[in-house]
Amino acid sequence: MKIKQNYEEFTKPTRDFLDLTEIFLGLQEEHRNVFMIEIESTVFFYRSLGRSEWKNIVKDEDLSDLEKQDIVCSLCTLWPQEFDFNECSAGLPDILCKNILQNSFLDSIESRKNVLSYYRNEMFDLENQITCVINEAFPQFDIEEIEAWDIEKTTKYLSRAEWKLHNLRGLQFIDQNVQMESFYEKTEQFAPELEGMPEPPKDDQTTIRGGTKNNKLTPEKLEEMRKLQEKFPEINFFGDTILTEGEAGMVDSIDSVSPALRPGF
């Protein structure tokens, strides 16, 4: 028995899929977030709901809950265009509205806390920090635009951003070479293995100030000490018991006699 197939019916699902893909890609060029859901054999593309839009809808006491659902669906539905939610089944706007609020993180306070925690954790990633540095120096570029740059353009603008922020604003940066190594590869790939290695011996030798050699005076503090010595040459800074021994060195110099009983008072 020879089976005849209708070519149009055979290729229709593929053509429908391609059409939906083109619609989705076209909508993504206009909107940051585009979502898709199929309800009762109808495919809907929708965007997330803005905070100000949600506040205006919620605060309107003249609207019923059903009317608020219809407004949310009408505002956010991108395709089918001009879909009439008054002429559809009663459960369709309810399902669509719940999905819109969920993907807009407006369904609960907990969902907003979760998305905030997620993006805060992302800031531990050096690449996201680099994006913020470039954006701070060149605010004309949007953060998401910077994230789409390739490595060459990113590193070029990062070097310019570091120079601008350091030389024109006086900001200090940590070791830039370490930063860039971390940008190109994960730290674990070049960090030395320290487990099982003996710790280096600790130097317990004390300095004249009673501290350790790991706690020496900085060049700035040494310069202050030199100027102080020049101003008060009569003071033996390195032999004075108060300077070297602290409060313990003050014991012998404290006069415990009442001022009224001291000679010549």
C-alpha atoms as a PDB file:
ATOM      1  CA  MET A   1       0.000   0.000   0.000  1.00  0.00           C
ATOM      2  CA  LYS A   2       1.442   3.334  -1.034  1.00  0.00           C
ATOM      3  CA  ILE A   3       1.218   6.031   1.591  1.00  0.00           C
ATOM      4  CA  LYS A   4       0.737   9.569   0.335  1.00  0.00           C
ATOM      5  CA  GLN A   5       1.926  12.438   2.489  1.00  0.00           C
ATOM      6  CA  ASN A   6       0.852  16.011   2.263  1.00  0.00           C
ATOM      7  CA  TYR A   7       4.057  18.028   1.955  1.00  0.00           C
ATOM      8  CA  GLU A   8       2.497  21.142   3.440  1.00  0.00           C
ATOM      9  CA  GLU A   9       1.302  19.265   6.548  1.00  0.00           C
ATOM     10  CA  PHE A  10       4.670  17.496   6.888  1.00  0.00           C
ATOM     11  CA  THR A  11       6.699  20.709   6.829  1.00  0.00           C
ATOM     12  CA  LYS A  12       4.258  22.895   8.797  1.00  0.00           C
ATOM     13  CA  PRO A  13       5.736  22.199  12.303  1.00  0.00           C
ATOM     14  CA  THR A  14       9.233  23.039  11.045  1.00  0.00           C
ATOM     15  CA  ARG A  15       8.041  26.243   9.397  1.00  0.00           C
ATOM     16  CA  ASP A  16       6.131  27.248  12.529  1.00  0.00           C
ATOM     17  CA  PHE A  17       9.237  26.652  14.647  1.00  0.00           C
ATOM     18  CA  LEU A  18      11.369  28.785  12.334  1.00  0.00           C
ATOM     19  CA  ASP A  19       8.763  31.549  12.369  1.00  0.00           C
ATOM     20  CA  LEU A  20       8.680  31.575  16.184  1.00  0.00           C
ATOM     21  CA  THR A  21      12.479  31.677  16.302  1.00  0.00           C
ATOM     22  CA  GLU A  22      12.551  34.708  14.020  1.00  0.00           C
ATOM     23  CA  ILE A  23       9.906  36.436  16.146  1.00  0.00           C
ATOM     24  CA  PHE A  24      11.843  35.677  19.342  1.00  0.00           C
ATOM     25  CA  LEU A  25      15.155  36.984  17.947  1.00  0.00           C
ATOM     26  CA  GLY A  26      13.442  40.112  16.650  1.00  0.00           C
ATOM     27  CA  LEU A  27      11.873  40.830  20.042  1.00  0.00           C
ATOM     28  CA  GLN A  28      15.203  40.318  21.810  1.00  0.00           C
ATOM     29  CA  GLU A  29      16.664  43.218  19.843  1.00  0.00           C
ATOM     30  CA  GLU A  30      14.087  45.547  21.395  1.00  0.00           C
ATOM     31  CA  HIS A  31      13.748  44.133  24.922  1.00  0.00           C
ATOM     32  CA  ARG A  32      16.317  43.024  27.495  1.00  0.00           C
ATOM     33  CA  ASN A  33      14.399  39.957  28.689  1.00  0.00           C
ATOM     34  CA  VAL A  34      11.958  38.029  26.506  1.00  0.00           C
ATOM     35  CA  PHE A  35      10.136  34.928  27.783  1.00  0.00           C
ATOM     36  CA  MET A  36       7.949  32.348  26.061  1.00  0.00           C
ATOM     37  CA  ILE A  37       5.057  30.239  27.300  1.00  0.00           C
ATOM     38  CA  GLU A  38       2.456  28.094  25.581  1.00  0.00           C
ATOM     39  CA  ILE A  39      -1.057  28.231  27.045  1.00  0.00           C
ATOM     40  CA  GLU A  40      -3.960  26.369  25.490  1.00  0.00           C
ATOM     41  CA  SER A  41      -2.045  25.772  22.227  1.00  0.00           C
ATOM     42  CA  THR A  42      -1.221  29.481  21.936  1.00  0.00           C
ATOM     43  CA  VAL A  43       2.399  30.651  22.178  1.00  0.00           C
ATOM     44  CA  PHE A  44       2.964  33.915  24.040  1.00  0.00           C
ATOM     45  CA  PHE A  45       6.127  36.012  24.082  1.00  0.00           C
ATOM     46  CA  TYR A  46       6.256  38.480  26.949  1.00  0.00           C
ATOM     47  CA  ARG A  47       8.660  40.831  28.716  1.00  0.00           C
ATOM     48  CA  SER A  48       9.228  41.411  32.416  1.00  0.00           C
ATOM     49  CA  LEU A  49       7.130  43.966  34.266  1.00  0.00           C
ATOM     50  CA  GLY A  50       8.815  47.140  35.485  1.00  0.00           C
ATOM     51  CA  ARG A  51       8.713  48.192  39.140  1.00  0.00           C
ATOM     52  CA  SER A  52       6.976  51.489  38.453  1.00  0.00           C
ATOM     53  CA  GLU A  53       4.409  49.726  36.270  1.00  0.00           C
ATOM     54  CA  TRP A  54       3.717  47.223  39.043  1.00  0.00           C
ATOM     55  CA  LYS A  55       3.394  49.955  41.700  1.00  0.00           C
ATOM     56  CA  ASN A  56       0.913  51.920  39.593  1.00  0.00           C
ATOM     57  CA  ILE A  57      -1.236  48.840  39.062  1.00  0.00           C
ATOM     58  CA  VAL A  58      -1.153  47.708  42.698  1.00  0.00           C
ATOM     59  CA  LYS A  59      -1.939  51.173  44.109  1.00  0.00           C
ATOM     60  CA  ASP A  60      -4.985  51.640  41.905  1.00  0.00           C
ATOM     61  CA  GLU A  61      -7.777  50.751  44.317  1.00  0.00           C
ATOM     62  CA  ASP A  62     -10.438  51.151  41.624  1.00  0.00           C
ATOM     63  CA  LEU A  63      -9.230  48.029  39.817  1.00  0.00           C
ATOM     64  CA  SER A  64     -10.312  44.522  40.705  1.00  0.00           C
ATOM     65  CA  ASP A  65      -7.833  41.634  40.817  1.00  0.00           C
ATOM     66  CA  LEU A  66      -9.065  40.344  37.453  1.00  0.00           C
ATOM     67  CA  GLU A  67      -8.660  43.766  35.885  1.00  0.00           C
ATOM     68  CA  LYS A  68      -5.133  44.002  37.267  1.00  0.00           C
ATOM     69  CA  GLN A  69      -4.311  40.637  35.712  1.00  0.00           C
ATOM     70  CA  ASP A  70      -5.604  41.778  32.327  1.00  0.00           C
ATOM     71  CA  ILE A  71      -3.563  44.997  32.528  1.00  0.00           C
ATOM     72  CA  VAL A  72      -0.359  43.113  33.409  1.00  0.00           C
ATOM     73  CA  CYS A  73      -0.914  40.700  30.518  1.00  0.00           C
ATOM     74  CA  SER A  74      -1.702  43.501  28.056  1.00  0.00           C
ATOM     75  CA  LEU A  75       1.359  45.526  29.083  1.00  0.00           C
ATOM     76  CA  CYS A  76       3.860  42.686  28.908  1.00  0.00           C
ATOM     77  CA  THR A  77       2.591  40.527  26.047  1.00  0.00           C
ATOM     78  CA  LEU A  78       4.754  41.173  22.977  1.00  0.00           C
ATOM     79  CA  TRP A  79       3.294  38.511  20.701  1.00  0.00           C
ATOM     80  CA  PRO A  80       0.582  37.810  19.585  1.00  0.00           C
ATOM     81  CA  GLN A  81       0.169  41.521  19.135  1.00  0.00           C
ATOM     82  CA  GLU A  82      -3.085  43.114  20.334  1.00  0.00           C
ATOM     83  CA  PHE A  83      -4.298  39.874  21.877  1.00  0.00           C
ATOM     84  CA  ASP A  84      -7.773  40.369  23.366  1.00  0.00           C
ATOM     85  CA  PHE A  85      -7.725  38.979  26.909  1.00  0.00           C
ATOM     86  CA  ASN A  86     -11.414  39.756  27.309  1.00  0.00           C
ATOM     87  CA  GLU A  87     -12.274  37.213  24.619  1.00  0.00           C
ATOM     88  CA  CYS A  88     -10.240  34.267  25.909  1.00  0.00           C
ATOM     89  CA  SER A  89     -10.823  31.569  28.503  1.00  0.00           C
ATOM     90  CA  ALA A  90     -10.964  32.753  32.111  1.00  0.00           C
ATOM     91  CA  GLY A  91      -7.875  30.834  33.249  1.00  0.00           C
ATOM     92  CA  LEU A  92      -5.518  32.058  30.527  1.00  0.00           C
ATOM     93  CA  PRO A  93      -4.799  35.571  31.931  1.00  0.00           C
ATOM     94  CA  ASP A  94      -4.324  34.095  35.404  1.00  0.00           C
ATOM     95  CA  ILE A  95      -1.641  31.636  34.216  1.00  0.00           C
ATOM     96  CA  LEU A  96       0.093  34.225  32.056  1.00  0.00           C
ATOM     97  CA  CYS A  97       0.050  36.883  34.794  1.00  0.00           C
ATOM     98  CA  LYS A  98       1.576  34.504  37.351  1.00  0.00           C
ATOM     99  CA  ASN A  99       4.415  33.669  34.938  1.00  0.00           C
ATOM    100  CA  ILE A 100       5.036  37.343  34.185  1.00  0.00           C
ATOM    101  CA  LEU A 101       5.262  38.241  37.881  1.00  0.00           C
ATOM    102  CA  GLN A 102       7.489  35.244  38.600  1.00  0.00           C
ATOM    103  CA  ASN A 103       9.986  36.107  35.849  1.00  0.00           C
ATOM    104  CA  SER A 104       9.838  39.769  36.899  1.00  0.00           C
ATOM    105  CA  PHE A 105      10.721  38.750  40.495  1.00  0.00           C
ATOM    106  CA  LEU A 106       7.585  40.505  41.688  1.00  0.00           C
ATOM    107  CA  ASP A 107       5.790  37.418  42.967  1.00  0.00           C
ATOM    108  CA  SER A 108       7.406  37.558  46.444  1.00  0.00           C
ATOM    109  CA  ILE A 109       9.977  39.384  48.541  1.00  0.00           C
ATOM    110  CA  GLU A 110      11.982  36.167  48.801  1.00  0.00           C
ATOM    111  CA  SER A 111      12.483  35.992  45.023  1.00  0.00           C
ATOM    112  CA  ARG A 112      13.791  39.584  45.015  1.00  0.00           C
ATOM    113  CA  LYS A 113      16.213  38.726  47.830  1.00  0.00           C
ATOM    114  CA  ASN A 114      17.427  35.684  45.904  1.00  0.00           C
ATOM    115  CA  VAL A 115      18.148  37.586  42.693  1.00  0.00           C
ATOM    116  CA  LEU A 116      19.914  40.335  44.664  1.00  0.00           C
ATOM    117  CA  SER A 117      22.059  37.728  46.435  1.00  0.00           C
ATOM    118  CA  TYR A 118      22.873  36.133  43.074  1.00  0.00           C
ATOM    119  CA  TYR A 119      24.137  39.367  41.524  1.00  0.00           C
ATOM    120  CA  ARG A 120      26.015  40.332  44.689  1.00  0.00           C
ATOM    121  CA  ASN A 121      27.880  37.018  44.561  1.00  0.00           C
ATOM    122  CA  GLU A 122      28.735  37.706  40.924  1.00  0.00           C
ATOM    123  CA  MET A 123      30.742  40.744  42.062  1.00  0.00           C
ATOM    124  CA  PHE A 124      33.385  38.381  43.469  1.00  0.00           C
ATOM    125  CA  ASP A 125      34.192  37.560  39.828  1.00  0.00           C
ATOM    126  CA  LEU A 126      37.073  39.728  38.584  1.00  0.00           C
ATOM    127  CA  GLU A 127      35.509  40.081  35.138  1.00  0.00           C
ATOM    128  CA  ASN A 128      32.477  41.828  36.649  1.00  0.00           C
ATOM    129  CA  GLN A 129      34.746  44.080  38.696  1.00  0.00           C
ATOM    130  CA  ILE A 130      36.641  45.018  35.532  1.00  0.00           C
ATOM    131  CA  THR A 131      33.348  45.919  33.877  1.00  0.00           C
ATOM    132  CA  CYS A 132      32.544  48.296  36.747  1.00  0.00           C
ATOM    133  CA  VAL A 133      36.015  49.882  36.594  1.00  0.00           C
ATOM    134  CA  ILE A 134      35.615  50.595  32.879  1.00  0.00           C
ATOM    135  CA  ASN A 135      32.082  51.902  33.402  1.00  0.00           C
ATOM    136  CA  GLU A 136      33.282  54.242  36.173  1.00  0.00           C
ATOM    137  CA  ALA A 137      35.962  55.739  33.928  1.00  0.00           C
ATOM    138  CA  PHE A 138      33.799  55.733  30.788  1.00  0.00           C
ATOM    139  CA  PRO A 139      30.169  56.159  31.940  1.00  0.00           C
ATOM    140  CA  GLN A 140      28.980  56.637  28.355  1.00  0.00           C
ATOM    141  CA  PHE A 141      29.215  52.835  27.946  1.00  0.00           C
ATOM    142  CA  ASP A 142      26.447  50.720  29.455  1.00  0.00           C
ATOM    143  CA  ILE A 143      27.507  47.788  31.654  1.00  0.00           C
ATOM    144  CA  GLU A 144      25.867  45.204  29.399  1.00  0.00           C
ATOM    145  CA  GLU A 145      27.526  46.801  26.373  1.00  0.00           C
ATOM    146  CA  ILE A 146      30.946  46.438  28.050  1.00  0.00           C
ATOM    147  CA  GLU A 147      30.229  42.794  28.912  1.00  0.00           C
ATOM    148  CA  ALA A 148      29.742  42.056  25.205  1.00  0.00           C
ATOM    149  CA  TRP A 149      33.218  43.343  24.234  1.00  0.00           C
ATOM    150  CA  ASP A 150      35.988  40.953  23.211  1.00  0.00           C
ATOM    151  CA  ILE A 151      39.211  40.536  25.220  1.00  0.00           C
ATOM    152  CA  GLU A 152      41.275  42.971  23.145  1.00  0.00           C
ATOM    153  CA  LYS A 153      38.808  45.841  23.467  1.00  0.00           C
ATOM    154  CA  THR A 154      38.173  45.100  27.144  1.00  0.00           C
ATOM    155  CA  THR A 155      41.868  45.140  28.071  1.00  0.00           C
ATOM    156  CA  LYS A 156      42.446  48.317  26.053  1.00  0.00           C
ATOM    157  CA  TYR A 157      39.697  50.198  27.879  1.00  0.00           C
ATOM    158  CA  LEU A 158      40.722  48.670  31.233  1.00  0.00           C
ATOM    159  CA  SER A 159      44.259  50.060  30.853  1.00  0.00           C
ATOM    160  CA  ARG A 160      42.832  53.495  29.992  1.00  0.00           C
ATOM    161  CA  ALA A 161      40.374  53.291  32.887  1.00  0.00           C
ATOM    162  CA  GLU A 162      43.127  52.438  35.372  1.00  0.00           C
ATOM    163  CA  TRP A 163      45.235  55.372  34.159  1.00  0.00           C
ATOM    164  CA  LYS A 164      42.337  57.826  34.351  1.00  0.00           C
ATOM    165  CA  LEU A 165      41.200  56.725  37.793  1.00  0.00           C
ATOM    166  CA  HIS A 166      44.730  56.599  39.224  1.00  0.00           C
ATOM    167  CA  ASN A 167      46.241  59.745  37.711  1.00  0.00           C
ATOM    168  CA  LEU A 168      43.180  61.980  37.491  1.00  0.00           C
ATOM    169  CA  ARG A 169      41.202  60.834  40.546  1.00  0.00           C
ATOM    170  CA  GLY A 170      43.976  59.536  42.771  1.00  0.00           C
ATOM    171  CA  LEU A 171      42.545  56.043  43.238  1.00  0.00           C
ATOM    172  CA  GLN A 172      44.975  53.298  44.216  1.00  0.00           C
ATOM    173  CA  PHE A 173      44.993  49.836  42.612  1.00  0.00           C
ATOM    174  CA  ILE A 174      46.499  46.593  43.846  1.00  0.00           C
ATOM    175  CA  ASP A 175      49.018  44.645  41.767  1.00  0.00           C
ATOM    176  CA  GLN A 176      47.732  45.076  38.215  1.00  0.00           C
ATOM    177  CA  ASN A 177      49.716  42.115  36.855  1.00  0.00           C
ATOM    178  CA  VAL A 178      47.995  39.771  39.286  1.00  0.00           C
ATOM    179  CA  GLN A 179      44.641  41.249  38.275  1.00  0.00           C
ATOM    180  CA  MET A 180      45.205  40.582  34.589  1.00  0.00           C
ATOM    181  CA  GLU A 181      46.483  37.042  35.193  1.00  0.00           C
ATOM    182  CA  SER A 182      43.262  36.329  37.056  1.00  0.00           C
ATOM    183  CA  PHE A 183      41.296  37.891  34.214  1.00  0.00           C
ATOM    184  CA  TYR A 184      42.748  35.508  31.635  1.00  0.00           C
ATOM    185  CA  GLU A 185      42.715  32.315  33.673  1.00  0.00           C
ATOM    186  CA  LYS A 186      41.452  31.039  36.985  1.00  0.00           C
ATOM    187  CA  THR A 187      43.652  31.571  39.996  1.00  0.00           C
ATOM    188  CA  GLU A 188      43.692  27.842  40.772  1.00  0.00           C
ATOM    189  CA  GLN A 189      45.562  27.118  37.535  1.00  0.00           C
ATOM    190  CA  PHE A 190      48.708  29.009  38.496  1.00  0.00           C
ATOM    191  CA  ALA A 191      48.509  29.169  42.328  1.00  0.00           C
ATOM    192  CA  PRO A 192      51.286  27.049  43.986  1.00  0.00           C
ATOM    193  CA  GLU A 193      50.341  23.967  45.941  1.00  0.00           C
ATOM    194  CA  LEU A 194      50.864  24.831  49.603  1.00  0.00           C
ATOM    195  CA  GLU A 195      49.312  21.806  51.269  1.00  0.00           C
ATOM    196  CA  GLY A 196      51.878  19.652  53.056  1.00  0.00           C
ATOM    197  CA  MET A 197      54.675  22.226  52.704  1.00  0.00           C
ATOM    198  CA  PRO A 198      56.451  23.173  55.952  1.00  0.00           C
ATOM    199  CA  GLU A 199      55.894  26.690  57.194  1.00  0.00           C
ATOM    200  CA  PRO A 200      58.917  29.018  56.987  1.00  0.00           C
ATOM    201  CA  PRO A 201      60.676  29.587  60.313  1.00  0.00           C
ATOM    202  CA  LYS A 202      59.434  32.588  62.202  1.00  0.00           C
ATOM    203  CA  ASP A 203      61.912  35.257  63.211  1.00  0.00           C
ATOM    204  CA  ASP A 204      61.316  35.992  66.910  1.00  0.00           C
ATOM    205  CA  GLN A 205      64.048  38.614  67.091  1.00  0.00           C
ATOM    206  CA  THR A 206      62.665  41.811  68.568  1.00  0.00           C
ATOM    207  CA  THR A 207      63.382  45.363  67.537  1.00  0.00           C
ATOM    208  CA  ILE A 208      64.340  48.304  69.746  1.00  0.00           C
ATOM    209  CA  ARG A 209      60.646  49.133  70.041  1.00  0.00           C
ATOM    210  CA  GLY A 210      59.891  45.737  71.548  1.00  0.00           C
ATOM    211  CA  GLY A 211      58.098  44.495  68.412  1.00  0.00           C
ATOM    212  CA  THR A 212      59.110  41.950  65.809  1.00  0.00           C
ATOM    213  CA  LYS A 213      60.999  42.529  62.608  1.00  0.00           C
ATOM    214  CA  ASN A 214      57.774  41.899  60.725  1.00  0.00           C
ATOM    215  CA  ASN A 215      56.381  45.030  62.352  1.00  0.00           C
ATOM    216  CA  LYS A 216      59.060  47.545  61.426  1.00  0.00           C
ATOM    217  CA  LEU A 217      58.493  51.259  61.029  1.00  0.00           C
ATOM    218  CA  THR A 218      57.412  52.357  57.573  1.00  0.00           C
ATOM    219  CA  PRO A 219      59.577  54.879  55.657  1.00  0.00           C
ATOM    220  CA  GLU A 220      57.034  57.586  56.515  1.00  0.00           C
ATOM    221  CA  LYS A 221      57.234  56.775  60.239  1.00  0.00           C
ATOM    222  CA  LEU A 222      61.046  56.712  60.126  1.00  0.00           C
ATOM    223  CA  GLU A 223      61.046  60.160  58.527  1.00  0.00           C
ATOM    224  CA  GLU A 224      58.756  61.434  61.288  1.00  0.00           C
ATOM    225  CA  MET A 225      61.108  59.948  63.882  1.00  0.00           C
ATOM    226  CA  ARG A 226      64.123  61.645  62.276  1.00  0.00           C
ATOM    227  CA  LYS A 227      62.402  65.040  62.321  1.00  0.00           C
ATOM    228  CA  LEU A 228      61.407  64.506  65.947  1.00  0.00           C
ATOM    229  CA  GLN A 229      65.019  63.720  66.881  1.00  0.00           C
ATOM    230  CA  GLU A 230      66.202  66.895  65.197  1.00  0.00           C
ATOM    231  CA  LYS A 231      63.594  68.943  67.043  1.00  0.00           C
ATOM    232  CA  PHE A 232      64.374  67.429  70.473  1.00  0.00           C
ATOM    233  CA  PRO A 233      68.068  66.411  70.432  1.00  0.00           C
ATOM    234  CA  GLU A 234      68.133  66.287  74.247  1.00  0.00           C
ATOM    235  CA  ILE A 235      65.890  63.215  74.271  1.00  0.00           C
ATOM    236  CA  ASN A 236      67.516  59.802  73.934  1.00  0.00           C
ATOM    237  CA  PHE A 237      64.801  58.159  71.835  1.00  0.00           C
ATOM    238  CA  PHE A 238      66.546  54.782  71.628  1.00  0.00           C
ATOM    239  CA  GLY A 239      67.561  54.640  75.274  1.00  0.00           C
ATOM    240  CA  ASP A 240      64.546  56.202  76.931  1.00  0.00           C
ATOM    241  CA  THR A 241      62.807  53.579  79.043  1.00  0.00           C
ATOM    242  CA  ILE A 242      59.380  55.087  78.401  1.00  0.00           C
ATOM    243  CA  LEU A 243      59.796  54.820  74.629  1.00  0.00           C
ATOM    244  CA  THR A 244      61.271  51.335  74.737  1.00  0.00           C
ATOM    245  CA  GLU A 245      59.287  49.798  77.602  1.00  0.00           C
ATOM    246  CA  GLY A 246      55.998  51.685  77.366  1.00  0.00           C
ATOM    247  CA  GLU A 247      53.944  52.013  80.556  1.00  0.00           C
ATOM    248  CA  ALA A 248      56.282  49.700  82.452  1.00  0.00           C
ATOM    249  CA  GLY A 249      59.099  52.170  81.925  1.00  0.00           C
ATOM    250  CA  MET A 250      57.117  54.930  83.614  1.00  0.00           C
ATOM    251  CA  VAL A 251      57.001  53.226  87.047  1.00  0.00           C
ATOM    252  CA  ASP A 252      60.270  54.623  88.405  1.00  0.00           C
ATOM    253  CA  SER A 253      59.566  58.139  87.145  1.00  0.00           C
ATOM    254  CA  ILE A 254      56.177  58.511  88.777  1.00  0.00           C
ATOM    255  CA  ASP A 255      56.183  60.655  91.936  1.00  0.00           C
ATOM    256  CA  SER A 256      53.607  59.262  94.332  1.00  0.00           C
ATOM    257  CA  VAL A 257      54.105  62.064  96.930  1.00  0.00           C
ATOM    258  CA  SER A 258      51.229  64.493  97.221  1.00  0.00           C
ATOM    259  CA  PRO A 259      52.066  67.880  95.620  1.00  0.00           C
ATOM    260  CA  ALA A 260      51.358  69.663  98.939  1.00  0.00           C
ATOM    261  CA  LEU A 261      54.031  67.585 100.712  1.00  0.00           C
ATOM    262  CA  ARG A 262      56.763  68.012  98.132  1.00  0.00           C
ATOM    263  CA  PRO A 263      59.755  70.231  99.052  1.00  0.00           C
ATOM    264  CA  GLY A 264      59.426  73.837  97.923  1.00  0.00           C
ATOM    265  CA  PHE A 265      55.644  73.589  97.412  1.00  0.00           C
END
